[in-house]
């Protein structure tokens, strides 16, 4: 987790996954749905960027 230097209310989670299948398993885990419940109303915007590495 990273925090913006100029905006202490802006956070970034940066994750690398071996493959998309493992990432999908992670995204469907219970802890992620629990996070969404406890942060409901506290997160102004949630943006998910799925990207690919350029060699």
C-alpha atoms as a PDB file:
ATOM      1  CA  UNK A   1       0.000   0.000   0.000  1.00  0.00           C
ATOM      2  CA  UNK A   2       1.286   3.454  -0.895  1.00  0.00           C
ATOM      3  CA  UNK A   3       0.127   6.874   0.292  1.00  0.00           C
ATOM      4  CA  UNK A   4       0.267  10.001  -1.874  1.00  0.00           C
ATOM      5  CA  UNK A   5       2.832  12.569  -0.693  1.00  0.00           C
ATOM      6  CA  UNK A   6       0.601  15.568  -1.362  1.00  0.00           C
ATOM      7  CA  UNK A   7      -2.778  14.013  -0.450  1.00  0.00           C
ATOM      8  CA  UNK A   8      -2.714  11.874   2.686  1.00  0.00           C
ATOM      9  CA  UNK A   9      -6.213  10.614   1.843  1.00  0.00           C
ATOM     10  CA  UNK A  10      -5.111   9.002  -1.430  1.00  0.00           C
ATOM     11  CA  UNK A  11      -3.846   5.410  -1.302  1.00  0.00           C
ATOM     12  CA  UNK A  12      -2.617   3.008  -3.939  1.00  0.00           C
ATOM     13  CA  UNK A  13      -2.411  -0.751  -3.734  1.00  0.00           C
ATOM     14  CA  UNK A  14       0.141  -2.078  -6.216  1.00  0.00           C
ATOM     15  CA  UNK A  15       0.126  -5.817  -6.776  1.00  0.00           C
ATOM     16  CA  UNK A  16       1.861  -8.152  -9.200  1.00  0.00           C
ATOM     17  CA  UNK A  17       0.344 -11.526  -9.906  1.00  0.00           C
ATOM     18  CA  UNK A  18       1.945 -14.550 -11.552  1.00  0.00           C
ATOM     19  CA  UNK A  19      -1.118 -14.964 -13.758  1.00  0.00           C
ATOM     20  CA  UNK A  20      -4.674 -13.724 -14.183  1.00  0.00           C
ATOM     21  CA  UNK A  21      -6.197 -16.920 -12.790  1.00  0.00           C
ATOM     22  CA  UNK A  22      -4.452 -16.450  -9.417  1.00  0.00           C
ATOM     23  CA  UNK A  23      -5.516 -12.815  -9.358  1.00  0.00           C
ATOM     24  CA  UNK A  24      -9.131 -13.806  -9.992  1.00  0.00           C
ATOM     25  CA  UNK A  25      -8.994 -16.280  -7.096  1.00  0.00           C
ATOM     26  CA  UNK A  26      -7.675 -13.495  -4.874  1.00  0.00           C
ATOM     27  CA  UNK A  27     -10.394 -11.087  -6.022  1.00  0.00           C
ATOM     28  CA  UNK A  28     -13.070 -13.634  -5.086  1.00  0.00           C
ATOM     29  CA  UNK A  29     -11.656 -14.274  -1.600  1.00  0.00           C
ATOM     30  CA  UNK A  30     -13.672 -13.516   1.529  1.00  0.00           C
ATOM     31  CA  UNK A  31     -11.226 -10.910   2.835  1.00  0.00           C
ATOM     32  CA  UNK A  32     -11.830  -8.637  -0.158  1.00  0.00           C
ATOM     33  CA  UNK A  33     -15.612  -8.673   0.286  1.00  0.00           C
ATOM     34  CA  UNK A  34     -15.067  -7.971   4.009  1.00  0.00           C
ATOM     35  CA  UNK A  35     -12.831  -5.002   3.118  1.00  0.00           C
ATOM     36  CA  UNK A  36     -15.547  -3.629   0.831  1.00  0.00           C
ATOM     37  CA  UNK A  37     -18.100  -3.927   3.664  1.00  0.00           C
ATOM     38  CA  UNK A  38     -16.005  -2.176   6.330  1.00  0.00           C
ATOM     39  CA  UNK A  39     -14.961   0.633   3.985  1.00  0.00           C
ATOM     40  CA  UNK A  40     -18.451   1.241   2.568  1.00  0.00           C
ATOM     41  CA  UNK A  41     -19.092   4.984   2.594  1.00  0.00           C
ATOM     42  CA  UNK A  42     -15.460   5.718   3.489  1.00  0.00           C
ATOM     43  CA  UNK A  43     -13.993   5.209   0.005  1.00  0.00           C
ATOM     44  CA  UNK A  44     -14.821   8.031  -2.374  1.00  0.00           C
ATOM     45  CA  UNK A  45     -13.599   6.237  -5.467  1.00  0.00           C
ATOM     46  CA  UNK A  46     -12.273   2.761  -6.177  1.00  0.00           C
ATOM     47  CA  UNK A  47     -10.430   2.349  -9.470  1.00  0.00           C
ATOM     48  CA  UNK A  48      -9.041  -0.950 -10.646  1.00  0.00           C
ATOM     49  CA  UNK A  49      -6.552  -0.939 -13.512  1.00  0.00           C
ATOM     50  CA  UNK A  50      -5.697  -4.325 -14.932  1.00  0.00           C
ATOM     51  CA  UNK A  51      -2.431  -3.979 -16.824  1.00  0.00           C
ATOM     52  CA  UNK A  52       0.199  -6.039 -18.552  1.00  0.00           C
ATOM     53  CA  UNK A  53       3.959  -5.790 -18.253  1.00  0.00           C
ATOM     54  CA  UNK A  54       5.922  -4.603 -21.264  1.00  0.00           C
ATOM     55  CA  UNK A  55       9.206  -6.398 -21.690  1.00  0.00           C
END
